[in-house]
PDB file of N, CA and C in Angstrom:
ATOM      1  N   MET A   1      66.541 -29.185 -42.054  1.00  0.00           N
ATOM      2  CA  MET A   1      67.666 -28.474 -41.741  1.00  0.00           C
ATOM      3  C   MET A   1      67.994 -27.873 -43.222  1.00  0.00           C
ATOM      4  N   ALA A   2      68.538 -26.511 -43.052  1.00  0.00           N
ATOM      5  CA  ALA A   2      68.575 -25.830 -44.229  1.00  0.00           C
ATOM      6  C   ALA A   2      70.258 -25.418 -44.328  1.00  0.00           C
ATOM      7  N   TYR A   3      70.781 -25.253 -45.288  1.00  0.00           N
ATOM      8  CA  TYR A   3      72.514 -25.235 -45.404  1.00  0.00           C
ATOM      9  C   TYR A   3      72.710 -23.755 -46.146  1.00  0.00           C
ATOM     10  N   GLY A   4      73.170 -22.584 -45.727  1.00  0.00           N
ATOM     11  CA  GLY A   4      73.298 -21.560 -46.770  1.00  0.00           C
ATOM     12  C   GLY A   4      74.174 -20.462 -45.994  1.00  0.00           C
ATOM     13  N   LYS A   5      74.589 -19.211 -46.745  1.00  0.00           N
ATOM     14  CA  LYS A   5      75.488 -18.173 -46.100  1.00  0.00           C
ATOM     15  C   LYS A   5      74.404 -17.378 -45.343  1.00  0.00           C
ATOM     16  N   PHE A   6      74.005 -17.705 -44.144  1.00  0.00           N
ATOM     17  CA  PHE A   6      73.217 -16.960 -43.410  1.00  0.00           C
ATOM     18  C   PHE A   6      73.598 -16.103 -42.239  1.00  0.00           C
ATOM     19  N   PHE A   7      75.048 -16.339 -42.019  1.00  0.00           N
ATOM     20  CA  PHE A   7      75.541 -15.925 -41.190  1.00  0.00           C
ATOM     21  C   PHE A   7      76.901 -14.960 -41.404  1.00  0.00           C
ATOM     22  N   HIS A   8      76.911 -13.589 -41.508  1.00  0.00           N
ATOM     23  CA  HIS A   8      77.922 -12.668 -42.117  1.00  0.00           C
ATOM     24  C   HIS A   8      78.831 -13.319 -43.198  1.00  0.00           C
ATOM     25  N   LYS A   9      77.728 -13.670 -44.264  1.00  0.00           N
ATOM     26  CA  LYS A   9      78.427 -14.281 -45.333  1.00  0.00           C
ATOM     27  C   LYS A   9      79.283 -15.451 -45.331  1.00  0.00           C
ATOM     28  N   LYS A  10      79.006 -16.149 -44.100  1.00  0.00           N
ATOM     29  CA  LYS A  10      79.833 -17.372 -44.057  1.00  0.00           C
ATOM     30  C   LYS A  10      78.472 -18.875 -43.837  1.00  0.00           C
ATOM     31  N   ALA A  11      78.768 -19.905 -44.648  1.00  0.00           N
ATOM     32  CA  ALA A  11      77.801 -20.810 -44.789  1.00  0.00           C
ATOM     33  C   ALA A  11      77.524 -21.405 -43.200  1.00  0.00           C
ATOM     34  N   GLY A  12      76.414 -22.056 -43.049  1.00  0.00           N
ATOM     35  CA  GLY A  12      75.841 -22.626 -41.849  1.00  0.00           C
ATOM     36  C   GLY A  12      74.476 -23.303 -41.935  1.00  0.00           C
ATOM     37  N   PHE A  13      74.262 -23.973 -40.852  1.00  0.00           N
ATOM     38  CA  PHE A  13      72.965 -24.932 -40.921  1.00  0.00           C
ATOM     39  C   PHE A  13      72.066 -24.124 -39.863  1.00  0.00           C
ATOM     40  N   ILE A  14      70.875 -24.280 -40.362  1.00  0.00           N
ATOM     41  CA  ILE A  14      69.573 -23.551 -39.543  1.00  0.00           C
ATOM     42  C   ILE A  14      68.590 -24.774 -39.357  1.00  0.00           C
ATOM     43  N   SER A  15      67.562 -24.509 -38.523  1.00  0.00           N
ATOM     44  CA  SER A  15      66.739 -25.511 -38.535  1.00  0.00           C
ATOM     45  C   SER A  15      65.896 -25.234 -39.306  1.00  0.00           C
ATOM     46  N   LYS A  16      64.543 -26.047 -39.890  1.00  0.00           N
ATOM     47  CA  LYS A  16      63.424 -25.953 -40.848  1.00  0.00           C
ATOM     48  C   LYS A  16      62.483 -24.979 -39.807  1.00  0.00           C
ATOM     49  N   GLU A  17      62.478 -25.216 -38.133  1.00  0.00           N
ATOM     50  CA  GLU A  17      61.701 -23.936 -37.671  1.00  0.00           C
ATOM     51  C   GLU A  17      61.983 -22.650 -37.922  1.00  0.00           C
ATOM     52  N   TRP A  18      63.392 -22.299 -37.696  1.00  0.00           N
ATOM     53  CA  TRP A  18      63.889 -20.814 -38.209  1.00  0.00           C
ATOM     54  C   TRP A  18      63.931 -20.507 -39.524  1.00  0.00           C
ATOM     55  N   PHE A  19      63.969 -21.607 -40.444  1.00  0.00           N
ATOM     56  CA  PHE A  19      64.034 -20.915 -42.038  1.00  0.00           C
ATOM     57  C   PHE A  19      63.255 -19.994 -42.463  1.00  0.00           C
ATOM     58  N   PRO A  20      61.943 -20.271 -42.106  1.00  0.00           N
ATOM     59  CA  PRO A  20      61.016 -18.868 -42.535  1.00  0.00           C
ATOM     60  C   PRO A  20      61.346 -17.662 -42.023  1.00  0.00           C
ATOM     61  N   TYR A  21      61.994 -17.469 -41.041  1.00  0.00           N
ATOM     62  CA  TYR A  21      62.314 -16.194 -40.586  1.00  0.00           C
ATOM     63  C   TYR A  21      63.621 -15.734 -41.018  1.00  0.00           C
ATOM     64  N   PHE A  22      64.532 -16.587 -41.118  1.00  0.00           N
ATOM     65  CA  PHE A  22      65.774 -16.139 -42.040  1.00  0.00           C
ATOM     66  C   PHE A  22      65.339 -15.684 -43.456  1.00  0.00           C
ATOM     67  N   ALA A  23      64.530 -16.329 -44.027  1.00  0.00           N
ATOM     68  CA  ALA A  23      63.870 -16.231 -45.601  1.00  0.00           C
ATOM     69  C   ALA A  23      63.685 -14.729 -45.464  1.00  0.00           C
ATOM     70  N   ASN A  24      62.556 -14.292 -44.611  1.00  0.00           N
ATOM     71  CA  ASN A  24      61.818 -13.208 -44.556  1.00  0.00           C
ATOM     72  C   ASN A  24      62.807 -12.087 -44.378  1.00  0.00           C
ATOM     73  N   TYR A  25      63.679 -12.228 -43.344  1.00  0.00           N
ATOM     74  CA  TYR A  25      64.833 -11.373 -43.299  1.00  0.00           C
ATOM     75  C   TYR A  25      65.781 -11.130 -44.337  1.00  0.00           C
ATOM     76  N   ARG A  26      66.089 -12.158 -44.535  1.00  0.00           N
ATOM     77  CA  ARG A  26      67.350 -11.780 -45.721  1.00  0.00           C
ATOM     78  C   ARG A  26      66.546 -11.426 -46.948  1.00  0.00           C
ATOM     79  N   ARG A  27      65.526 -11.782 -47.380  1.00  0.00           N
ATOM     80  CA  ARG A  27      64.949 -11.550 -48.623  1.00  0.00           C
ATOM     81  C   ARG A  27      64.234 -10.174 -48.531  1.00  0.00           C
ATOM     82  N   ASP A  28      64.251  -9.475 -47.314  1.00  0.00           N
ATOM     83  CA  ASP A  28      63.583  -8.118 -47.255  1.00  0.00           C
ATOM     84  C   ASP A  28      62.060  -8.330 -47.343  1.00  0.00           C
ATOM     85  N   GLY A  29      61.369  -9.525 -47.004  1.00  0.00           N
ATOM     86  CA  GLY A  29      60.073  -9.637 -47.224  1.00  0.00           C
ATOM     87  C   GLY A  29      59.852 -10.099 -48.482  1.00  0.00           C
ATOM     88  N   TYR A  30      60.498 -10.194 -49.664  1.00  0.00           N
ATOM     89  CA  TYR A  30      60.181 -10.834 -50.893  1.00  0.00           C
ATOM     90  C   TYR A  30      60.507 -12.122 -50.986  1.00  0.00           C
ATOM     91  N   ASP A  31      59.793 -12.932 -51.712  1.00  0.00           N
ATOM     92  CA  ASP A  31      60.242 -14.127 -52.161  1.00  0.00           C
ATOM     93  C   ASP A  31      61.218 -14.136 -53.338  1.00  0.00           C
ATOM     94  N   PHE A  32      61.935 -15.058 -53.649  1.00  0.00           N
ATOM     95  CA  PHE A  32      62.948 -15.060 -54.743  1.00  0.00           C
ATOM     96  C   PHE A  32      62.573 -14.472 -56.067  1.00  0.00           C
ATOM     97  N   ASP A  33      61.210 -15.185 -56.557  1.00  0.00           N
ATOM     98  CA  ASP A  33      60.853 -14.364 -57.827  1.00  0.00           C
ATOM     99  C   ASP A  33      60.778 -13.202 -57.772  1.00  0.00           C
ATOM    100  N   ALA A  34      59.967 -12.532 -56.825  1.00  0.00           N
ATOM    101  CA  ALA A  34      59.904 -11.028 -56.864  1.00  0.00           C
ATOM    102  C   ALA A  34      61.377 -10.345 -56.642  1.00  0.00           C
ATOM    103  N   ARG A  35      62.396 -10.705 -55.742  1.00  0.00           N
ATOM    104  CA  ARG A  35      63.568 -10.351 -56.148  1.00  0.00           C
ATOM    105  C   ARG A  35      64.013 -10.116 -57.438  1.00  0.00           C
ATOM    106  N   TRP A  36      64.091 -10.968 -57.926  1.00  0.00           N
ATOM    107  CA  TRP A  36      64.512 -11.519 -59.250  1.00  0.00           C
ATOM    108  C   TRP A  36      63.883 -10.271 -60.226  1.00  0.00           C
ATOM    109  N   GLU A  37      62.799 -10.151 -60.245  1.00  0.00           N
ATOM    110  CA  GLU A  37      61.844  -9.256 -60.929  1.00  0.00           C
ATOM    111  C   GLU A  37      62.043  -7.886 -60.838  1.00  0.00           C
ATOM    112  N   ASP A  38      62.375  -7.510 -59.518  1.00  0.00           N
ATOM    113  CA  ASP A  38      62.563  -6.188 -59.388  1.00  0.00           C
ATOM    114  C   ASP A  38      64.272  -5.873 -59.362  1.00  0.00           C
ATOM    115  N   GLY A  39      64.942  -6.912 -59.718  1.00  0.00           N
ATOM    116  CA  GLY A  39      66.275  -6.513 -60.003  1.00  0.00           C
ATOM    117  C   GLY A  39      67.314  -6.414 -58.683  1.00  0.00           C
ATOM    118  N   LEU A  40      66.695  -7.407 -57.559  1.00  0.00           N
ATOM    119  CA  LEU A  40      67.506  -7.442 -56.641  1.00  0.00           C
ATOM    120  C   LEU A  40      68.214  -8.661 -56.326  1.00  0.00           C
ATOM    121  N   ALA A  41      68.221  -9.800 -57.180  1.00  0.00           N
ATOM    122  CA  ALA A  41      68.916 -10.751 -57.245  1.00  0.00           C
ATOM    123  C   ALA A  41      69.965 -11.093 -58.360  1.00  0.00           C
ATOM    124  N   SER A  42      70.913 -11.332 -58.016  1.00  0.00           N
ATOM    125  CA  SER A  42      72.013 -11.327 -59.169  1.00  0.00           C
ATOM    126  C   SER A  42      71.620 -12.757 -60.462  1.00  0.00           C
ATOM    127  N   MET A  43      72.281 -12.591 -61.302  1.00  0.00           N
ATOM    128  CA  MET A  43      72.011 -13.835 -62.187  1.00  0.00           C
ATOM    129  C   MET A  43      73.036 -15.200 -61.735  1.00  0.00           C
ATOM    130  N   ARG A  44      73.792 -14.948 -60.798  1.00  0.00           N
ATOM    131  CA  ARG A  44      74.590 -16.131 -60.054  1.00  0.00           C
ATOM    132  C   ARG A  44      73.379 -16.917 -59.371  1.00  0.00           C
ATOM    133  N   CYS A  45      72.573 -15.802 -58.606  1.00  0.00           N
ATOM    134  CA  CYS A  45      71.470 -16.503 -57.671  1.00  0.00           C
ATOM    135  C   CYS A  45      70.507 -17.229 -58.366  1.00  0.00           C
ATOM    136  N   LYS A  46      70.316 -16.368 -59.522  1.00  0.00           N
ATOM    137  CA  LYS A  46      69.148 -17.127 -60.355  1.00  0.00           C
ATOM    138  C   LYS A  46      69.267 -18.402 -60.775  1.00  0.00           C
ATOM    139  N   LYS A  47      70.576 -18.625 -61.446  1.00  0.00           N
ATOM    140  CA  LYS A  47      71.322 -19.769 -61.702  1.00  0.00           C
ATOM    141  C   LYS A  47      71.041 -20.914 -60.644  1.00  0.00           C
ATOM    142  N   ILE A  48      71.402 -20.330 -59.448  1.00  0.00           N
ATOM    143  CA  ILE A  48      71.368 -21.562 -58.401  1.00  0.00           C
ATOM    144  C   ILE A  48      70.006 -21.838 -58.168  1.00  0.00           C
ATOM    145  N   MET A  49      69.133 -21.059 -57.967  1.00  0.00           N
ATOM    146  CA  MET A  49      67.552 -21.122 -57.746  1.00  0.00           C
ATOM    147  C   MET A  49      66.745 -21.993 -58.629  1.00  0.00           C
ATOM    148  N   ASP A  50      67.351 -21.839 -60.110  1.00  0.00           N
ATOM    149  CA  ASP A  50      66.871 -22.584 -61.203  1.00  0.00           C
ATOM    150  C   ASP A  50      66.891 -23.993 -61.184  1.00  0.00           C
ATOM    151  N   GLU A  51      68.277 -24.136 -60.399  1.00  0.00           N
ATOM    152  CA  GLU A  51      68.458 -25.631 -60.152  1.00  0.00           C
ATOM    153  C   GLU A  51      67.793 -26.455 -59.367  1.00  0.00           C
ATOM    154  N   PHE A  52      67.047 -25.540 -58.382  1.00  0.00           N
ATOM    155  CA  PHE A  52      66.261 -25.738 -57.076  1.00  0.00           C
ATOM    156  C   PHE A  52      64.580 -25.496 -57.787  1.00  0.00           C
ATOM    157  N   GLU A  53      64.228 -25.785 -58.870  1.00  0.00           N
ATOM    158  CA  GLU A  53      63.190 -24.952 -59.594  1.00  0.00           C
ATOM    159  C   GLU A  53      61.865 -25.373 -58.667  1.00  0.00           C
ATOM    160  N   ASN A  54      61.735 -26.220 -57.845  1.00  0.00           N
ATOM    161  CA  ASN A  54      60.697 -27.011 -57.048  1.00  0.00           C
ATOM    162  C   ASN A  54      61.060 -26.717 -55.573  1.00  0.00           C
ATOM    163  N   ARG A  55      61.756 -25.459 -55.424  1.00  0.00           N
ATOM    164  CA  ARG A  55      62.480 -25.324 -54.117  1.00  0.00           C
ATOM    165  C   ARG A  55      61.313 -25.249 -52.845  1.00  0.00           C
ATOM    166  N   GLU A  56      60.276 -24.807 -53.058  1.00  0.00           N
ATOM    167  CA  GLU A  56      59.312 -24.970 -51.861  1.00  0.00           C
ATOM    168  C   GLU A  56      58.868 -26.184 -51.740  1.00  0.00           C
ATOM    169  N   GLU A  57      58.922 -26.730 -52.634  1.00  0.00           N
ATOM    170  CA  GLU A  57      58.353 -28.096 -52.501  1.00  0.00           C
ATOM    171  C   GLU A  57      58.888 -29.145 -51.700  1.00  0.00           C
ATOM    172  N   LEU A  58      60.271 -28.924 -51.352  1.00  0.00           N
ATOM    173  CA  LEU A  58      61.003 -29.593 -50.097  1.00  0.00           C
ATOM    174  C   LEU A  58      60.380 -29.391 -48.972  1.00  0.00           C
ATOM    175  N   TRP A  59      59.704 -28.115 -48.516  1.00  0.00           N
ATOM    176  CA  TRP A  59      59.146 -28.132 -47.159  1.00  0.00           C
ATOM    177  C   TRP A  59      57.856 -27.644 -47.586  1.00  0.00           C
ATOM    178  N   GLY A  60      57.329 -27.128 -48.754  1.00  0.00           N
ATOM    179  CA  GLY A  60      56.328 -26.640 -48.880  1.00  0.00           C
ATOM    180  C   GLY A  60      56.035 -25.170 -48.844  1.00  0.00           C
ATOM    181  N   TYR A  61      55.732 -24.429 -49.836  1.00  0.00           N
ATOM    182  CA  TYR A  61      55.289 -23.277 -49.919  1.00  0.00           C
ATOM    183  C   TYR A  61      54.880 -22.292 -48.779  1.00  0.00           C
ATOM    184  N   ASP A  62      53.740 -23.099 -47.880  1.00  0.00           N
ATOM    185  CA  ASP A  62      53.298 -22.365 -46.844  1.00  0.00           C
ATOM    186  C   ASP A  62      54.419 -22.425 -45.884  1.00  0.00           C
ATOM    187  N   LEU A  63      55.177 -23.186 -45.684  1.00  0.00           N
ATOM    188  CA  LEU A  63      56.277 -23.093 -44.418  1.00  0.00           C
ATOM    189  C   LEU A  63      57.426 -22.245 -44.721  1.00  0.00           C
ATOM    190  N   VAL A  64      57.902 -22.291 -46.131  1.00  0.00           N
ATOM    191  CA  VAL A  64      58.719 -21.128 -46.383  1.00  0.00           C
ATOM    192  C   VAL A  64      58.438 -19.846 -46.143  1.00  0.00           C
ATOM    193  N   THR A  65      57.017 -19.597 -46.645  1.00  0.00           N
ATOM    194  CA  THR A  65      56.449 -18.222 -46.562  1.00  0.00           C
ATOM    195  C   THR A  65      55.852 -17.785 -45.482  1.00  0.00           C
ATOM    196  N   SER A  66      55.767 -18.625 -44.200  1.00  0.00           N
ATOM    197  CA  SER A  66      54.924 -18.587 -43.208  1.00  0.00           C
ATOM    198  C   SER A  66      55.397 -17.371 -42.468  1.00  0.00           C
ATOM    199  N   ALA A  67      56.516 -16.818 -42.125  1.00  0.00           N
ATOM    200  CA  ALA A  67      57.180 -15.523 -41.718  1.00  0.00           C
ATOM    201  C   ALA A  67      56.848 -14.232 -42.299  1.00  0.00           C
ATOM    202  N   TYR A  68      56.308 -14.379 -43.643  1.00  0.00           N
ATOM    203  CA  TYR A  68      55.983 -13.274 -44.582  1.00  0.00           C
ATOM    204  C   TYR A  68      55.114 -12.348 -43.976  1.00  0.00           C
ATOM    205  N   LYS A  69      54.112 -13.075 -42.865  1.00  0.00           N
ATOM    206  CA  LYS A  69      53.172 -12.339 -42.442  1.00  0.00           C
ATOM    207  C   LYS A  69      53.609 -11.113 -41.362  1.00  0.00           C
ATOM    208  N   GLU A  70      54.768 -11.006 -41.153  1.00  0.00           N
ATOM    209  CA  GLU A  70      55.576 -10.179 -40.207  1.00  0.00           C
ATOM    210  C   GLU A  70      56.528  -9.623 -41.056  1.00  0.00           C
ATOM    211  N   THR A  71      56.856  -8.283 -40.735  1.00  0.00           N
ATOM    212  CA  THR A  71      58.020  -7.498 -41.399  1.00  0.00           C
ATOM    213  C   THR A  71      59.346  -8.266 -41.060  1.00  0.00           C
ATOM    214  N   PRO A  72      59.983  -7.863 -42.068  1.00  0.00           N
ATOM    215  CA  PRO A  72      61.703  -8.329 -42.015  1.00  0.00           C
ATOM    216  C   PRO A  72      62.277  -8.127 -40.689  1.00  0.00           C
ATOM    217  N   GLU A  73      61.812  -6.723 -40.463  1.00  0.00           N
ATOM    218  CA  GLU A  73      62.778  -6.179 -39.194  1.00  0.00           C
ATOM    219  C   GLU A  73      62.382  -7.003 -37.824  1.00  0.00           C
ATOM    220  N   SER A  74      60.969  -7.472 -37.885  1.00  0.00           N
ATOM    221  CA  SER A  74      60.584  -8.428 -36.966  1.00  0.00           C
ATOM    222  C   SER A  74      61.031  -9.743 -36.554  1.00  0.00           C
ATOM    223  N   SER A  75      61.178 -10.052 -37.968  1.00  0.00           N
ATOM    224  CA  SER A  75      61.801 -11.696 -38.160  1.00  0.00           C
ATOM    225  C   SER A  75      63.389 -11.298 -37.640  1.00  0.00           C
ATOM    226  N   ARG A  76      64.112 -10.139 -38.115  1.00  0.00           N
ATOM    227  CA  ARG A  76      65.614 -10.094 -37.287  1.00  0.00           C
ATOM    228  C   ARG A  76      65.519  -9.911 -36.092  1.00  0.00           C
ATOM    229  N   GLU A  77      64.502  -9.124 -35.305  1.00  0.00           N
ATOM    230  CA  GLU A  77      64.327  -9.118 -34.063  1.00  0.00           C
ATOM    231  C   GLU A  77      64.438 -10.082 -33.181  1.00  0.00           C
ATOM    232  N   ARG A  78      63.410 -11.471 -33.830  1.00  0.00           N
ATOM    233  CA  ARG A  78      63.152 -12.411 -33.361  1.00  0.00           C
ATOM    234  C   ARG A  78      64.575 -13.387 -33.439  1.00  0.00           C
ATOM    235  N   ILE A  79      65.238 -13.311 -34.491  1.00  0.00           N
ATOM    236  CA  ILE A  79      66.653 -14.165 -34.853  1.00  0.00           C
ATOM    237  C   ILE A  79      67.502 -13.749 -33.813  1.00  0.00           C
ATOM    238  N   TYR A  80      67.582 -12.265 -33.483  1.00  0.00           N
ATOM    239  CA  TYR A  80      68.665 -11.536 -32.409  1.00  0.00           C
ATOM    240  C   TYR A  80      68.290 -12.253 -31.015  1.00  0.00           C
ATOM    241  N   ARG A  81      67.007 -12.190 -30.637  1.00  0.00           N
ATOM    242  CA  ARG A  81      66.736 -12.752 -29.344  1.00  0.00           C
ATOM    243  C   ARG A  81      66.827 -14.128 -29.009  1.00  0.00           C
ATOM    244  N   HIS A  82      66.897 -14.959 -30.240  1.00  0.00           N
ATOM    245  CA  HIS A  82      67.191 -16.366 -30.243  1.00  0.00           C
ATOM    246  C   HIS A  82      68.867 -16.591 -30.075  1.00  0.00           C
ATOM    247  N   VAL A  83      69.347 -15.743 -30.808  1.00  0.00           N
ATOM    248  CA  VAL A  83      70.747 -15.971 -30.625  1.00  0.00           C
ATOM    249  C   VAL A  83      71.192 -15.222 -29.362  1.00  0.00           C
ATOM    250  N   ARG A  84      70.807 -14.406 -28.764  1.00  0.00           N
ATOM    251  CA  ARG A  84      70.930 -13.805 -27.301  1.00  0.00           C
ATOM    252  C   ARG A  84      70.789 -14.727 -26.659  1.00  0.00           C
ATOM    253  N   GLU A  85      69.606 -15.461 -26.619  1.00  0.00           N
ATOM    254  CA  GLU A  85      69.215 -16.536 -25.623  1.00  0.00           C
ATOM    255  C   GLU A  85      70.232 -17.574 -25.317  1.00  0.00           C
ATOM    256  N   HIS A  86      70.909 -17.820 -26.639  1.00  0.00           N
ATOM    257  CA  HIS A  86      71.780 -19.040 -26.799  1.00  0.00           C
ATOM    258  C   HIS A  86      73.119 -18.857 -26.389  1.00  0.00           C
ATOM    259  N   TYR A  87      73.491 -17.576 -26.671  1.00  0.00           N
ATOM    260  CA  TYR A  87      74.885 -16.927 -26.411  1.00  0.00           C
ATOM    261  C   TYR A  87      74.785 -15.839 -25.701  1.00  0.00           C
ATOM    262  N   PRO A  88      74.252 -16.011 -24.283  1.00  0.00           N
ATOM    263  CA  PRO A  88      74.201 -14.757 -23.524  1.00  0.00           C
ATOM    264  C   PRO A  88      75.539 -13.983 -23.348  1.00  0.00           C
ATOM    265  N   ASN A  89      76.717 -14.245 -23.704  1.00  0.00           N
ATOM    266  CA  ASN A  89      77.916 -13.880 -23.332  1.00  0.00           C
ATOM    267  C   ASN A  89      78.371 -12.932 -24.550  1.00  0.00           C
ATOM    268  N   ALA A  90      77.566 -13.257 -25.697  1.00  0.00           N
ATOM    269  CA  ALA A  90      77.752 -12.432 -27.119  1.00  0.00           C
ATOM    270  C   ALA A  90      77.479 -10.899 -26.872  1.00  0.00           C
ATOM    271  N   THR A  91      78.549 -10.089 -27.221  1.00  0.00           N
ATOM    272  CA  THR A  91      77.974  -8.801 -27.342  1.00  0.00           C
ATOM    273  C   THR A  91      76.924  -8.112 -28.368  1.00  0.00           C
ATOM    274  N   GLU A  92      76.451  -7.344 -28.005  1.00  0.00           N
ATOM    275  CA  GLU A  92      75.435  -7.009 -29.187  1.00  0.00           C
ATOM    276  C   GLU A  92      76.112  -6.701 -30.632  1.00  0.00           C
ATOM    277  N   LYS A  93      77.399  -6.042 -30.550  1.00  0.00           N
ATOM    278  CA  LYS A  93      78.202  -5.764 -31.974  1.00  0.00           C
ATOM    279  C   LYS A  93      78.567  -7.135 -32.389  1.00  0.00           C
ATOM    280  N   GLN A  94      78.606  -8.431 -31.538  1.00  0.00           N
ATOM    281  CA  GLN A  94      79.148  -9.618 -32.097  1.00  0.00           C
ATOM    282  C   GLN A  94      77.916 -10.056 -32.907  1.00  0.00           C
ATOM    283  N   ILE A  95      76.757  -9.918 -32.183  1.00  0.00           N
ATOM    284  CA  ILE A  95      75.680 -10.552 -32.662  1.00  0.00           C
ATOM    285  C   ILE A  95      75.144  -9.646 -34.222  1.00  0.00           C
ATOM    286  N   LYS A  96      75.350  -8.516 -34.177  1.00  0.00           N
ATOM    287  CA  LYS A  96      74.801  -7.538 -35.091  1.00  0.00           C
ATOM    288  C   LYS A  96      75.658  -7.965 -36.509  1.00  0.00           C
ATOM    289  N   ILE A  97      76.963  -8.144 -36.446  1.00  0.00           N
ATOM    290  CA  ILE A  97      78.124  -8.784 -37.077  1.00  0.00           C
ATOM    291  C   ILE A  97      77.668 -10.182 -37.574  1.00  0.00           C
ATOM    292  N   LEU A  98      77.208 -10.924 -36.804  1.00  0.00           N
ATOM    293  CA  LEU A  98      76.982 -12.238 -37.315  1.00  0.00           C
ATOM    294  C   LEU A  98      75.832 -12.058 -38.067  1.00  0.00           C
ATOM    295  N   MET A  99      74.800 -11.392 -37.868  1.00  0.00           N
ATOM    296  CA  MET A  99      73.483 -11.408 -38.750  1.00  0.00           C
ATOM    297  C   MET A  99      73.436 -10.361 -39.804  1.00  0.00           C
ATOM    298  N   LYS A 100      74.780  -9.848 -40.213  1.00  0.00           N
ATOM    299  CA  LYS A 100      74.844  -8.843 -41.416  1.00  0.00           C
ATOM    300  C   LYS A 100      74.704  -9.950 -42.889  1.00  0.00           C
TER     301      LYS A 100
END
């Protein structure tokens, strides 16, 4: 289980199974170090990530980056379909807001 701001800047839990897809979608295909090097991550994010220096060791680098073989858009679509499956009454607009 992972805890973070995954849902429209709101904190929530996601499963280990879904973490790679959220990471790929949210990081736009970058791992954190590449985002930092390209100036796409803030100093605040860097300080937080430095606290978890061995962050990939928790679940393993291969698991964390396993969705990087697909495009971030594909990961977004996979997440969208999963949410739609579990919340069939949610409107497309509601799901898109949740996924911002």
